[in-house]
Amino acid sequence: MIQLFCFISITLLFLDFTGSVHAYLGWVAKMQFVPAIFASHIVIALAIIFLTLLFGRFYCSQFCPLGIFQDMVSFKTKFSYSKPRKGFVILRYVLLAGFIATAFAGGGLISMLEPYSAFGRIVSQIFGPIYKFGNNILAYFSERAGSYTFYSVDVWVKSVASLVLAILTLAGVSIFAYKSGRGYCNTICPVGTFLGLLSKYSFMKLRIDLSKCKHCDLCSKKCRSSCIDTEEGKIDYTRCIACLDCVKTCPAKAISYSKPSKKIMQKEEEILSESGAARRNLFVGSIIAVLSCATKLQASHGDGGLTELSDKKVPNRKKPIVPAGAGSYKHFHDHCLGCQLCASVCPNDVLSNKAHGTTKPNMSYERGYCRPECVKCTEVCPTGALKPITRAEKSSIQIGCAVWNKELCIVNTDKVACDLCSRKCPNAAIAMIPPSADASPDAPKIPMIDTNRCIGCGACEHLCPARPYSAIVVEGVEVHRTI
């Protein structure tokens, strides 16, 4: 039941484009291990570590949405024990080391391998458009029945590169799961590798009573982690996810999930001593690295949809724009996992990773502008990349500043009067002035931008009639400020 609840909850969070689901289920996303570390929710991260040392890798079997998805794909597959190959073991620790190292710099390896973000990318990029299309069908029939319970929304591909990456991730994980169950968790996933190191020392473990075991291999065939060696009567605890399927399957009740007896503890101590100090050092070092990362992150702390924009292109911004609540581009870049949850709930389709070609979302105003009264993205972010802010705070935070290009403005190119940017600016930051001191009173006026009032919402850029590029473009600022 816990598995089903977590999987459905997180899936709905990524599918919901209204942001209403987050009010009830947003806490589920914040319980994810890596997002908790990035959000500096140290209590949650330490609780998961402590419970792993107590009960084993329960997180991977009960709370991780990508892990639960793999269980669904491999539901009918029969497995067998596989000895840990040296090459795969080395790969696991290399990916874990790379994951931890890039966490300090906000590298793309994090968003590509982190299971919560990978699952979010799959749901939002592949299934999100399908979900919206179904909503639009309901809206069509609902409107004709005189009800407006549903409303139509735009269905569009926010980033071809991100969509391709999501498809490749879905295909790779699905094939991996069908062939080898939790093979992705125990070979690629850095979270699985780290928690596997902890679970080796867990207090509660699965144990095989060889005096009862009939060597029927039913437990091994059911084990998605391929970690039960019935011949030797051993279990690879670094791969075991504590799903307890083997306990339910064993007809002889030879497998139990229990605390160790004195004899078992003595035997395990001998095994651990034989494995040498290197593995213990790796175990301790991994915990220190994760907590160090968490400590560093703790310290770093109108209308908009009516204009036809099908032919407008994304401008080449010198500085990318990140939402209010980020504080700065660096903070957002260092904390964001690229899960796309903020992009899923953005009502004006401002957030996507179409610009700048990264797995992390940026802001662009081809399809809408960032409404000063909207704070949905800050409400749903589970990693602390976007801090919660009020609507009043949002309307006074400068995330960028508009820049006018006279070469593209239709006042100069077509010699016609236009004041859309000035009329639609919610902060009255644009005034229309004569093009020169000696200009005729009837001459079309040009915009003048007050940089002390502009918050970078993009209303001017979005509504600018110039094509294919807007004549007025918002450039991001490195550090946000209150105006």
Protein backbone atom coordinates (compact mmCIF):
# COMPACT_ATOMS: atom_id res chain seq x y z
CA MET A 1 0.00 0.00 0.00
CA ILE A 2 2.85 2.40 0.77
CA GLN A 3 4.38 1.65 -2.64
CA LEU A 4 1.12 2.35 -4.47
CA PHE A 5 0.43 5.54 -2.52
CA CYS A 6 3.91 7.00 -3.14
CA PHE A 7 3.90 6.06 -6.83
CA ILE A 8 0.45 7.50 -7.54
CA SER A 9 1.10 10.63 -5.46
CA ILE A 10 4.36 11.56 -7.17
CA THR A 11 2.94 10.73 -10.60
CA LEU A 12 -0.02 13.04 -9.98
CA LEU A 13 2.31 15.81 -8.83
CA PHE A 14 4.06 15.74 -12.20
CA LEU A 15 0.86 15.37 -14.25
CA ASP A 16 -1.16 18.06 -12.47
CA PHE A 17 -0.91 21.37 -14.37
CA THR A 18 -3.09 23.31 -11.90
CA GLY A 19 -0.84 22.98 -8.85
CA SER A 20 -3.82 22.00 -6.68
CA VAL A 21 -2.57 18.45 -6.00
CA HIS A 22 0.56 19.81 -4.39
CA ALA A 23 -1.46 21.32 -1.54
CA TYR A 24 -2.31 17.78 -0.43
CA LEU A 25 0.55 15.60 -1.67
CA GLY A 26 3.52 17.94 -1.97
CA TRP A 27 5.07 16.49 1.19
CA VAL A 28 5.59 13.14 -0.59
CA ALA A 29 8.08 14.74 -3.02
CA LYS A 30 9.92 16.37 -0.13
CA MET A 31 10.49 12.94 1.44
CA GLN A 32 12.68 11.88 -1.49
CA PHE A 33 16.30 11.42 -0.40
CA VAL A 34 18.30 13.63 -2.78
CA PRO A 35 15.68 16.43 -2.97
CA ALA A 36 15.72 16.50 0.85
CA ILE A 37 19.51 16.95 0.83
CA PHE A 38 19.36 19.70 -1.80
CA ALA A 39 16.60 21.46 0.13
CA SER A 40 18.76 21.20 3.27
CA HIS A 41 16.07 19.19 5.01
CA ILE A 42 18.75 17.49 7.07
CA VAL A 43 16.26 15.87 9.43
CA ILE A 44 14.59 13.98 6.57
CA ALA A 45 17.93 12.90 5.05
CA LEU A 46 19.28 11.73 8.40
CA ALA A 47 16.01 9.93 9.14
CA ILE A 48 16.32 7.95 5.89
CA ILE A 49 19.96 7.12 6.69
CA PHE A 50 19.07 6.06 10.24
CA LEU A 51 16.12 3.93 9.14
CA THR A 52 18.29 2.32 6.45
CA LEU A 53 20.84 1.36 9.10
CA LEU A 54 17.96 -0.04 11.11
CA PHE A 55 15.79 -1.77 8.50
CA GLY A 56 17.82 -1.89 5.26
CA ARG A 57 17.00 -0.38 1.87
CA PHE A 58 13.29 0.09 2.57
CA TYR A 59 13.46 3.50 0.83
CA CYS A 60 14.23 1.88 -2.53
CA SER A 61 11.34 -0.57 -2.27
CA GLN A 62 8.69 1.68 -0.70
CA PHE A 63 9.33 5.34 -1.53
CA CYS A 64 11.40 5.64 -4.72
CA PRO A 65 9.01 6.14 -7.68
CA LEU A 66 11.51 4.90 -10.26
CA GLY A 67 12.16 1.77 -8.21
CA ILE A 68 8.44 1.07 -7.87
CA PHE A 69 8.05 1.58 -11.62
CA GLN A 70 10.71 -1.09 -12.23
CA ASP A 71 8.80 -3.51 -10.00
CA MET A 72 5.71 -2.96 -12.16
CA VAL A 73 7.62 -3.63 -15.37
CA SER A 74 9.25 -6.80 -14.03
CA PHE A 75 6.16 -8.12 -12.23
CA LYS A 76 5.96 -11.42 -14.15
CA THR A 77 9.65 -11.95 -14.80
CA LYS A 78 11.51 -14.84 -13.14
CA PHE A 79 15.00 -14.10 -11.86
CA SER A 80 18.03 -15.98 -10.63
CA TYR A 81 20.98 -15.22 -8.42
CA SER A 82 23.85 -13.40 -10.11
CA LYS A 83 27.25 -13.03 -8.55
CA PRO A 84 28.43 -9.43 -8.25
CA ARG A 85 30.83 -8.86 -11.13
CA LYS A 86 33.89 -6.80 -10.40
CA GLY A 87 33.32 -4.48 -13.38
CA PHE A 88 29.75 -3.66 -12.32
CA VAL A 89 30.83 -3.12 -8.71
CA ILE A 90 33.51 -0.66 -9.84
CA LEU A 91 30.97 1.08 -12.10
CA ARG A 92 28.57 1.51 -9.18
CA TYR A 93 31.14 3.25 -7.02
CA VAL A 94 32.53 5.35 -9.88
CA LEU A 95 29.02 6.66 -10.63
CA LEU A 96 28.42 7.32 -6.94
CA ALA A 97 31.70 9.23 -6.65
CA GLY A 98 30.89 11.22 -9.80
CA PHE A 99 27.40 11.93 -8.52
CA ILE A 100 28.66 13.27 -5.19
CA ALA A 101 31.45 15.27 -6.84
CA THR A 102 29.12 16.96 -9.36
CA ALA A 103 26.61 17.75 -6.61
CA PHE A 104 28.92 20.55 -5.46
CA ALA A 105 28.86 22.10 -8.94
CA GLY A 106 25.27 21.26 -9.92
CA GLY A 107 26.39 19.09 -12.82
CA GLY A 108 24.06 17.43 -15.32
CA LEU A 109 25.03 13.95 -14.07
CA ILE A 110 22.82 14.60 -11.04
CA SER A 111 19.58 15.19 -12.96
CA MET A 112 20.31 12.34 -15.37
CA LEU A 113 20.97 9.62 -12.76
CA GLU A 114 19.01 10.75 -9.70
CA PRO A 115 15.92 8.47 -9.66
CA TYR A 116 13.32 11.05 -8.58
CA SER A 117 14.38 13.49 -11.31
CA ALA A 118 14.59 10.75 -13.93
CA PHE A 119 11.07 9.61 -13.08
CA GLY A 120 9.79 13.19 -13.12
CA ARG A 121 11.30 13.76 -16.54
CA ILE A 122 9.62 10.61 -17.88
CA VAL A 123 6.19 11.54 -16.50
CA SER A 124 6.23 15.26 -17.37
CA GLN A 125 7.79 14.96 -20.83
CA ILE A 126 6.12 11.77 -22.12
CA PHE A 127 2.92 11.23 -20.18
CA GLY A 128 2.23 14.89 -19.35
CA PRO A 129 1.18 15.84 -22.92
CA ILE A 130 -1.01 12.71 -23.12
CA TYR A 131 -2.66 13.65 -19.83
CA LYS A 132 -3.31 17.20 -21.09
CA PHE A 133 -4.72 15.88 -24.36
CA GLY A 134 -7.16 13.72 -22.41
CA ASN A 135 -8.09 16.75 -20.31
CA ASN A 136 -8.81 18.74 -23.48
CA ILE A 137 -11.14 16.00 -24.74
CA LEU A 138 -13.07 16.15 -21.46
CA ALA A 139 -13.12 19.96 -21.69
CA TYR A 140 -14.55 19.77 -25.22
CA PHE A 141 -17.51 17.65 -24.20
CA SER A 142 -17.90 19.42 -20.85
CA GLU A 143 -18.27 22.82 -22.50
CA ARG A 144 -20.92 21.49 -24.87
CA ALA A 145 -22.83 20.13 -21.92
CA GLY A 146 -22.84 23.57 -20.33
CA SER A 147 -20.23 22.77 -17.69
CA TYR A 148 -16.81 24.35 -17.24
CA THR A 149 -15.40 21.87 -14.75
CA PHE A 150 -12.57 21.21 -17.23
CA TYR A 151 -10.74 23.79 -19.33
CA SER A 152 -8.49 23.39 -22.34
CA VAL A 153 -4.73 23.83 -22.03
CA ASP A 154 -1.97 24.02 -24.63
CA VAL A 155 -0.23 20.76 -25.47
CA TRP A 156 3.30 21.32 -26.68
CA VAL A 157 6.80 19.86 -26.51
CA LYS A 158 8.80 22.02 -24.12
CA SER A 159 12.14 20.64 -25.27
CA VAL A 160 12.94 18.12 -27.98
CA ALA A 161 16.26 17.27 -26.30
CA SER A 162 14.58 16.69 -22.94
CA LEU A 163 11.84 14.60 -24.59
CA VAL A 164 14.43 12.43 -26.33
CA LEU A 165 16.32 12.01 -23.04
CA ALA A 166 13.08 11.04 -21.29
CA ILE A 167 12.25 8.46 -23.97
CA LEU A 168 15.76 6.99 -23.77
CA THR A 169 15.54 6.89 -19.97
CA LEU A 170 12.14 5.17 -20.08
CA ALA A 171 13.31 2.63 -22.66
CA GLY A 172 16.59 1.93 -20.87
CA VAL A 173 15.06 1.54 -17.41
CA SER A 174 12.18 -0.60 -18.76
CA ILE A 175 14.48 -2.97 -20.64
CA PHE A 176 16.82 -3.13 -17.67
CA ALA A 177 13.90 -3.89 -15.34
CA TYR A 178 12.33 -6.53 -17.60
CA LYS A 179 15.64 -8.34 -18.05
CA SER A 180 17.16 -7.96 -14.60
CA GLY A 181 14.56 -6.51 -12.22
CA ARG A 182 16.33 -3.96 -10.05
CA GLY A 183 19.43 -4.01 -12.24
CA TYR A 184 19.31 -0.24 -12.73
CA CYS A 185 19.02 0.31 -8.96
CA ASN A 186 21.99 -1.91 -8.22
CA THR A 187 24.25 -0.91 -11.09
CA ILE A 188 23.54 2.67 -12.19
CA CYS A 189 21.53 4.47 -9.49
CA PRO A 190 23.86 6.36 -7.12
CA VAL A 191 21.17 6.55 -4.43
CA GLY A 192 20.81 2.76 -4.52
CA THR A 193 24.57 2.34 -4.27
CA PHE A 194 24.85 4.67 -1.30
CA LEU A 195 21.92 3.14 0.59
CA GLY A 196 23.30 -0.31 -0.31
CA LEU A 197 26.49 0.55 1.55
CA LEU A 198 24.42 1.45 4.59
CA SER A 199 22.12 -1.57 4.40
CA LYS A 200 25.11 -3.91 4.64
CA TYR A 201 25.37 -2.77 8.26
CA SER A 202 21.63 -2.68 8.99
CA PHE A 203 20.35 -4.13 12.25
CA MET A 204 17.28 -5.88 10.79
CA LYS A 205 18.11 -8.19 7.89
CA LEU A 206 16.78 -11.07 5.85
CA ARG A 207 18.34 -14.31 7.04
CA ILE A 208 18.27 -17.85 5.64
CA ASP A 209 17.92 -20.81 8.00
CA LEU A 210 19.83 -23.54 6.13
CA SER A 211 18.32 -26.22 8.37
CA LYS A 212 14.89 -25.39 6.92
CA CYS A 213 15.89 -24.46 3.37
CA LYS A 214 14.83 -27.00 0.68
CA HIS A 215 16.92 -25.32 -2.06
CA CYS A 216 13.81 -24.93 -4.19
CA ASP A 217 15.11 -21.57 -5.49
CA LEU A 218 11.63 -20.01 -5.35
CA CYS A 219 13.00 -17.11 -3.34
CA SER A 220 15.78 -16.54 -5.86
CA LYS A 221 13.34 -16.60 -8.77
CA LYS A 222 11.19 -13.99 -7.02
CA CYS A 223 14.06 -11.71 -6.02
CA ARG A 224 14.20 -8.69 -8.35
CA SER A 225 17.61 -7.76 -6.99
CA SER A 226 19.08 -11.19 -7.84
CA CYS A 227 20.85 -11.13 -4.49
CA ILE A 228 19.86 -14.48 -2.89
CA ASP A 229 22.39 -17.31 -3.17
CA THR A 230 20.47 -20.39 -1.99
CA GLU A 231 23.44 -22.70 -2.49
CA GLU A 232 25.61 -20.79 -0.02
CA GLY A 233 22.71 -19.55 2.06
CA LYS A 234 23.86 -15.94 1.64
CA ILE A 235 22.21 -12.67 0.73
CA ASP A 236 24.00 -9.72 -0.82
CA TYR A 237 22.73 -6.97 1.48
CA THR A 238 24.14 -4.17 -0.66
CA ARG A 239 21.65 -5.16 -3.36
CA CYS A 240 18.73 -6.31 -1.18
CA ILE A 241 15.91 -3.72 -1.12
CA ALA A 242 14.04 -5.31 1.81
CA CYS A 243 10.88 -5.86 -0.25
CA LEU A 244 10.24 -9.14 1.69
CA ASP A 245 8.90 -10.95 -1.42
CA CYS A 246 11.22 -13.85 -0.64
CA VAL A 247 9.72 -14.23 2.86
CA LYS A 248 6.22 -14.44 1.37
CA THR A 249 7.35 -16.90 -1.31
CA CYS A 250 9.36 -19.40 0.77
CA PRO A 251 7.14 -22.50 1.40
CA ALA A 252 9.44 -23.80 4.15
CA LYS A 253 9.54 -20.49 6.06
CA ALA A 254 13.33 -20.68 5.90
CA ILE A 255 13.76 -16.95 5.31
CA SER A 256 13.03 -14.51 8.08
CA TYR A 257 13.37 -10.78 8.56
CA SER A 258 14.76 -10.40 12.05
CA LYS A 259 17.39 -8.98 14.33
CA PRO A 260 20.57 -11.05 14.69
CA SER A 261 21.27 -13.56 17.44
CA LYS A 262 24.63 -13.50 19.24
CA LYS A 263 25.95 -16.34 17.07
CA ILE A 264 24.88 -14.59 13.87
CA MET A 265 26.37 -11.30 15.03
CA GLN A 266 29.70 -13.00 15.72
CA LYS A 267 29.70 -14.60 12.26
CA GLU A 268 28.84 -11.31 10.55
CA GLU A 269 31.59 -9.56 12.47
CA GLU A 270 34.08 -12.11 11.13
CA ILE A 271 32.88 -11.54 7.58
CA LEU A 272 33.10 -7.78 7.95
CA SER A 273 36.61 -7.97 9.40
CA GLU A 274 37.71 -10.11 6.48
CA SER A 275 36.41 -7.56 4.01
CA GLY A 276 39.03 -5.17 5.33
CA ALA A 277 39.04 -1.53 6.32
CA ALA A 278 38.75 -0.24 2.76
CA ARG A 279 35.04 -0.91 2.50
CA ARG A 280 34.38 0.61 5.91
CA ASN A 281 36.31 3.68 4.85
CA LEU A 282 34.22 3.93 1.70
CA PHE A 283 31.06 3.60 3.79
CA VAL A 284 32.10 6.32 6.24
CA GLY A 285 33.44 8.52 3.46
CA SER A 286 30.18 8.36 1.55
CA ILE A 287 28.18 9.48 4.58
CA ILE A 288 30.63 12.34 5.22
CA ALA A 289 30.43 13.42 1.57
CA VAL A 290 26.63 13.42 1.55
CA LEU A 291 26.37 15.35 4.79
CA SER A 292 29.10 17.77 3.67
CA CYS A 293 27.12 18.42 0.50
CA ALA A 294 24.01 19.05 2.58
CA THR A 295 25.91 21.42 4.87
CA LYS A 296 27.27 23.39 1.94
CA LEU A 297 23.84 23.66 0.39
CA GLN A 298 22.47 24.85 3.74
CA ALA A 299 25.03 27.65 3.77
CA SER A 300 24.47 28.73 0.16
CA HIS A 301 21.35 29.90 0.85
CA GLY A 302 -2.25 40.94 -17.91
CA ASP A 303 -3.38 38.40 -20.55
CA GLY A 304 -0.45 36.29 -21.72
CA GLY A 305 -1.95 33.69 -24.00
CA LEU A 306 -4.00 35.39 -26.69
CA THR A 307 -1.36 36.53 -29.19
CA GLU A 308 -0.49 34.12 -31.96
CA LEU A 309 3.12 33.17 -31.25
CA SER A 310 3.67 30.18 -33.49
CA ASP A 311 6.38 31.94 -35.48
CA LYS A 312 8.26 33.59 -32.61
CA LYS A 313 11.75 32.27 -31.91
CA VAL A 314 13.65 31.89 -28.64
CA PRO A 315 16.09 34.81 -28.29
CA ASN A 316 19.73 34.20 -27.57
CA ARG A 317 19.91 35.59 -24.04
CA LYS A 318 23.29 36.52 -22.64
CA LYS A 319 22.10 35.56 -19.16
CA PRO A 320 19.38 32.95 -18.50
CA ILE A 321 16.37 33.83 -16.37
CA VAL A 322 15.40 31.80 -13.31
CA PRO A 323 12.18 32.21 -11.29
CA ALA A 324 11.67 34.46 -8.32
CA GLY A 325 12.40 32.49 -5.19
CA ALA A 326 15.72 31.24 -6.54
CA GLY A 327 17.59 34.22 -5.16
CA SER A 328 20.31 33.88 -7.77
CA TYR A 329 21.18 31.86 -10.84
CA LYS A 330 23.95 30.07 -8.92
CA HIS A 331 21.64 28.99 -6.11
CA PHE A 332 19.08 27.68 -8.59
CA HIS A 333 21.72 25.88 -10.68
CA ASP A 334 23.35 24.28 -7.61
CA HIS A 335 20.09 23.07 -6.04
CA CYS A 336 17.93 22.14 -9.03
CA LEU A 337 17.73 18.44 -9.95
CA GLY A 338 15.90 19.04 -13.22
CA CYS A 339 12.80 17.11 -12.13
CA GLN A 340 10.54 19.48 -14.14
CA LEU A 341 7.90 19.69 -11.41
CA CYS A 342 7.91 23.50 -11.59
CA ALA A 343 7.52 23.38 -15.37
CA SER A 344 4.57 21.00 -15.00
CA VAL A 345 2.56 23.45 -12.89
CA CYS A 346 3.56 26.68 -14.68
CA PRO A 347 0.20 28.01 -15.98
CA ASN A 348 1.71 30.22 -18.68
CA ASP A 349 4.26 27.73 -20.07
CA VAL A 350 7.12 30.05 -19.15
CA LEU A 351 9.32 27.35 -17.61
CA SER A 352 10.98 24.81 -19.86
CA ASN A 353 14.48 23.64 -20.72
CA LYS A 354 14.10 24.57 -24.36
CA ALA A 355 16.46 27.50 -23.92
CA HIS A 356 20.17 26.93 -23.19
CA GLY A 357 19.85 23.17 -23.80
CA THR A 358 20.12 21.92 -20.21
CA THR A 359 18.12 19.39 -18.22
CA LYS A 360 17.24 22.17 -15.77
CA PRO A 361 14.40 24.56 -16.57
CA ASN A 362 14.92 28.15 -17.66
CA MET A 363 12.41 30.89 -18.35
CA SER A 364 11.41 32.12 -21.80
CA TYR A 365 8.41 34.14 -22.92
CA GLU A 366 7.35 32.85 -26.33
CA ARG A 367 4.13 31.28 -25.03
CA GLY A 368 3.32 33.52 -22.08
CA TYR A 369 4.83 35.73 -19.44
CA CYS A 370 5.51 35.25 -15.72
CA ARG A 371 2.48 36.69 -13.97
CA PRO A 372 3.48 38.77 -10.91
CA GLU A 373 0.70 37.18 -8.85
CA CYS A 374 1.67 33.55 -9.63
CA VAL A 375 3.93 31.66 -7.18
CA LYS A 376 3.05 28.06 -8.08
CA CYS A 377 6.60 27.03 -9.01
CA THR A 378 7.91 28.12 -5.61
CA GLU A 379 5.17 26.14 -3.86
CA VAL A 380 6.02 22.80 -5.48
CA CYS A 381 9.85 22.80 -5.60
CA PRO A 382 11.08 19.93 -3.35
CA THR A 383 14.80 20.71 -3.45
CA GLY A 384 15.01 24.28 -2.18
CA ALA A 385 16.10 25.58 -5.59
CA LEU A 386 13.03 27.81 -5.34
CA LYS A 387 12.18 29.12 -1.89
CA PRO A 388 8.49 29.76 -1.08
CA ILE A 389 7.53 33.42 -1.54
CA THR A 390 4.29 35.39 -1.23
CA ARG A 391 2.48 37.08 -4.11
CA ALA A 392 3.43 40.46 -2.68
CA GLU A 393 7.11 39.50 -2.65
CA LYS A 394 6.91 38.10 -6.17
CA SER A 395 5.70 41.41 -7.64
CA SER A 396 8.75 43.24 -6.32
CA ILE A 397 11.55 40.75 -7.08
CA GLN A 398 13.67 41.60 -10.10
CA ILE A 399 14.62 38.40 -11.95
CA GLY A 400 15.72 40.21 -15.10
CA CYS A 401 15.55 43.48 -16.96
CA ALA A 402 14.06 44.32 -20.36
CA VAL A 403 16.38 45.52 -23.14
CA TRP A 404 15.05 47.31 -26.25
CA ASN A 405 16.47 46.59 -29.71
CA LYS A 406 15.68 49.51 -32.00
CA GLU A 407 16.67 47.50 -35.10
CA LEU A 408 13.74 45.11 -34.57
CA CYS A 409 11.06 47.48 -33.25
CA ILE A 410 8.19 47.97 -35.72
CA VAL A 411 8.22 51.69 -34.87
CA ASN A 412 11.48 51.85 -36.82
CA THR A 413 11.06 48.96 -39.26
CA ASP A 414 7.43 49.64 -40.30
CA LYS A 415 7.12 53.30 -39.25
CA VAL A 416 3.93 52.63 -37.29
CA ALA A 417 2.91 53.60 -33.77
CA CYS A 418 3.03 50.83 -31.15
CA ASP A 419 2.85 51.01 -27.39
CA LEU A 420 1.95 47.42 -26.44
CA CYS A 421 5.00 47.00 -24.24
CA SER A 422 4.16 50.16 -22.30
CA ARG A 423 0.43 49.48 -21.94
CA LYS A 424 0.89 45.86 -20.81
CA CYS A 425 3.75 46.36 -18.36
CA PRO A 426 2.33 45.49 -14.90
CA ASN A 427 4.92 47.64 -13.09
CA ALA A 428 4.66 50.70 -15.33
CA ALA A 429 8.36 50.37 -16.03
CA ILE A 430 8.11 51.38 -19.72
CA ALA A 431 7.33 54.89 -20.91
CA MET A 432 6.88 56.01 -24.51
CA ILE A 433 9.06 58.96 -25.49
CA PRO A 434 9.76 60.84 -28.75
CA PRO A 435 12.52 59.25 -30.86
CA SER A 436 14.55 62.47 -30.71
CA ALA A 437 14.44 65.95 -29.25
CA ASP A 438 13.46 67.56 -32.57
CA ALA A 439 10.96 64.89 -33.60
CA SER A 440 7.52 65.83 -34.86
CA PRO A 441 4.68 65.60 -32.27
CA ASP A 442 3.01 63.04 -34.55
CA ALA A 443 6.10 60.85 -34.86
CA PRO A 444 5.72 57.30 -33.43
CA LYS A 445 7.20 57.11 -29.96
CA ILE A 446 9.77 54.60 -28.75
CA PRO A 447 9.97 52.76 -25.40
CA MET A 448 12.20 53.85 -22.53
CA ILE A 449 12.77 51.28 -19.79
CA ASP A 450 13.09 52.19 -16.11
CA THR A 451 15.54 49.56 -14.84
CA ASN A 452 14.62 50.42 -11.26
CA ARG A 453 11.01 49.34 -11.80
CA CYS A 454 11.35 46.45 -14.27
CA ILE A 455 11.06 43.01 -12.62
CA GLY A 456 11.70 40.94 -15.78
CA CYS A 457 8.23 39.36 -15.95
CA GLY A 458 8.41 39.25 -19.75
CA ALA A 459 4.98 40.75 -20.52
CA CYS A 460 6.61 43.19 -22.93
CA GLU A 461 8.66 40.49 -24.66
CA HIS A 462 5.71 38.12 -24.95
CA LEU A 463 3.29 40.67 -26.42
CA CYS A 464 5.76 42.42 -28.71
CA PRO A 465 4.41 42.08 -32.29
CA ALA A 466 7.89 41.98 -33.89
CA ARG A 467 8.74 38.68 -35.60
CA PRO A 468 10.57 36.31 -35.56
CA TYR A 469 12.33 37.87 -32.55
CA SER A 470 10.81 40.31 -30.10
CA ALA A 471 12.18 43.84 -30.20
CA ILE A 472 12.25 43.93 -26.43
CA VAL A 473 13.95 41.03 -24.63
CA VAL A 474 14.46 40.27 -20.95
CA GLU A 475 18.00 39.52 -19.86
CA GLY A 476 18.44 37.60 -16.58
CA VAL A 477 20.35 38.94 -13.60
CA GLU A 478 22.90 36.94 -11.64
CA VAL A 479 21.44 37.88 -8.24
CA HIS A 480 17.79 38.80 -7.74
CA ARG A 481 16.96 41.97 -5.87
CA THR A 482 13.89 43.61 -4.37
CA ILE A 483 12.86 46.83 -6.07
